[in-house]
Amino acid sequence: MKFNLPKLNAILIAISLVIVVIGFALMVGEPSGATEFNPDIFSVRRITVGPMISLFGFMVMIVAILYKPRKK
């Protein structure tokens, strides 16, 4: 079976997917209920760090798809 992307591109896509999943995992947490307020929903980890890591993962994925290795 022949794929259109080289092996290096597939590895970079897999790495970027793991980075995106880590970013989304950092955004997960206990929600605020209707009767009680949870101030943890405004933590730096959930509002800033998680989305930045996910965005970085998506940018790495774009580079991984567009990367063209040099021919020998």
C-alpha atoms as a PDB file:
ATOM      1  CA  MET A   1       0.000   0.000   0.000  1.00  0.00           C
ATOM      2  CA  LYS A   2       1.445   3.383  -1.011  1.00  0.00           C
ATOM      3  CA  PHE A   3       0.599   6.534   0.914  1.00  0.00           C
ATOM      4  CA  ASN A   4       0.836  10.031  -0.517  1.00  0.00           C
ATOM      5  CA  LEU A   5       2.704  11.351   2.522  1.00  0.00           C
ATOM      6  CA  PRO A   6       6.201  10.132   3.423  1.00  0.00           C
ATOM      7  CA  LYS A   7       6.881   8.349   6.693  1.00  0.00           C
ATOM      8  CA  LEU A   8       8.377  11.482   8.290  1.00  0.00           C
ATOM      9  CA  ASN A   9       5.190  13.430   7.601  1.00  0.00           C
ATOM     10  CA  ALA A  10       3.079  10.700   9.205  1.00  0.00           C
ATOM     11  CA  ILE A  11       5.279  10.739  12.309  1.00  0.00           C
ATOM     12  CA  LEU A  12       5.036  14.541  12.557  1.00  0.00           C
ATOM     13  CA  ILE A  13       1.243  14.379  12.179  1.00  0.00           C
ATOM     14  CA  ALA A  14       1.047  11.795  14.970  1.00  0.00           C
ATOM     15  CA  ILE A  15       3.213  13.970  17.233  1.00  0.00           C
ATOM     16  CA  SER A  16       1.074  17.024  16.529  1.00  0.00           C
ATOM     17  CA  LEU A  17      -2.081  15.036  17.282  1.00  0.00           C
ATOM     18  CA  VAL A  18      -0.641  14.084  20.672  1.00  0.00           C
ATOM     19  CA  ILE A  19       0.170  17.766  21.348  1.00  0.00           C
ATOM     20  CA  VAL A  20      -3.415  18.769  20.498  1.00  0.00           C
ATOM     21  CA  VAL A  21      -4.839  16.072  22.784  1.00  0.00           C
ATOM     22  CA  ILE A  22      -2.569  17.241  25.633  1.00  0.00           C
ATOM     23  CA  GLY A  23      -3.814  20.811  25.121  1.00  0.00           C
ATOM     24  CA  PHE A  24      -7.440  19.700  25.253  1.00  0.00           C
ATOM     25  CA  ALA A  25      -6.728  17.563  28.334  1.00  0.00           C
ATOM     26  CA  LEU A  26      -5.347  20.648  30.093  1.00  0.00           C
ATOM     27  CA  MET A  27      -8.618  22.480  29.428  1.00  0.00           C
ATOM     28  CA  VAL A  28     -10.742  19.765  31.045  1.00  0.00           C
ATOM     29  CA  GLY A  29     -11.988  20.286  34.565  1.00  0.00           C
ATOM     30  CA  GLU A  30     -14.961  20.355  36.850  1.00  0.00           C
ATOM     31  CA  PRO A  31     -17.698  22.702  35.599  1.00  0.00           C
ATOM     32  CA  SER A  32     -19.574  25.326  37.531  1.00  0.00           C
ATOM     33  CA  GLY A  33     -23.030  24.192  38.626  1.00  0.00           C
ATOM     34  CA  ALA A  34     -26.335  26.055  38.705  1.00  0.00           C
ATOM     35  CA  THR A  35     -26.264  26.240  42.500  1.00  0.00           C
ATOM     36  CA  GLU A  36     -22.548  26.648  43.169  1.00  0.00           C
ATOM     37  CA  PHE A  37     -19.751  28.622  41.545  1.00  0.00           C
ATOM     38  CA  ASN A  38     -16.419  26.972  40.805  1.00  0.00           C
ATOM     39  CA  PRO A  39     -13.668  29.615  40.441  1.00  0.00           C
ATOM     40  CA  ASP A  40     -11.347  26.997  38.920  1.00  0.00           C
ATOM     41  CA  ILE A  41     -13.046  27.525  35.540  1.00  0.00           C
ATOM     42  CA  PHE A  42     -11.016  30.735  35.220  1.00  0.00           C
ATOM     43  CA  SER A  43      -7.637  29.180  36.025  1.00  0.00           C
ATOM     44  CA  VAL A  44      -4.613  30.036  33.877  1.00  0.00           C
ATOM     45  CA  ARG A  45      -4.198  26.400  32.908  1.00  0.00           C
ATOM     46  CA  ARG A  46      -7.716  26.158  31.471  1.00  0.00           C
ATOM     47  CA  ILE A  47      -7.943  29.602  29.848  1.00  0.00           C
ATOM     48  CA  THR A  48      -4.400  30.251  28.596  1.00  0.00           C
ATOM     49  CA  VAL A  49      -2.041  27.276  28.685  1.00  0.00           C
ATOM     50  CA  GLY A  50      -4.369  24.606  27.254  1.00  0.00           C
ATOM     51  CA  PRO A  51      -5.550  26.634  24.242  1.00  0.00           C
ATOM     52  CA  MET A  52      -1.990  27.800  23.464  1.00  0.00           C
ATOM     53  CA  ILE A  53      -0.694  24.223  23.478  1.00  0.00           C
ATOM     54  CA  SER A  54      -3.591  23.114  21.253  1.00  0.00           C
ATOM     55  CA  LEU A  55      -2.956  25.980  18.839  1.00  0.00           C
ATOM     56  CA  PHE A  56       0.732  25.030  18.722  1.00  0.00           C
ATOM     57  CA  GLY A  57      -0.271  21.442  17.945  1.00  0.00           C
ATOM     58  CA  PHE A  58      -2.502  22.576  15.078  1.00  0.00           C
ATOM     59  CA  MET A  59       0.305  24.728  13.674  1.00  0.00           C
ATOM     60  CA  VAL A  60       2.713  21.775  13.861  1.00  0.00           C
ATOM     61  CA  MET A  61       0.110  19.680  12.035  1.00  0.00           C
ATOM     62  CA  ILE A  62      -0.075  22.212   9.185  1.00  0.00           C
ATOM     63  CA  VAL A  63       3.723  22.185   8.898  1.00  0.00           C
ATOM     64  CA  ALA A  64       3.739  18.373   9.025  1.00  0.00           C
ATOM     65  CA  ILE A  65       1.266  18.143   6.160  1.00  0.00           C
ATOM     66  CA  LEU A  66       3.024  20.736   4.000  1.00  0.00           C
ATOM     67  CA  TYR A  67       6.624  19.604   4.743  1.00  0.00           C
ATOM     68  CA  LYS A  68       8.341  18.233   1.657  1.00  0.00           C
ATOM     69  CA  PRO A  69      11.561  16.304   2.318  1.00  0.00           C
ATOM     70  CA  ARG A  70      14.513  16.907   0.022  1.00  0.00           C
ATOM     71  CA  LYS A  71      15.124  14.371  -2.707  1.00  0.00           C
ATOM     72  CA  LYS A  72      18.441  12.532  -2.692  1.00  0.00           C
END
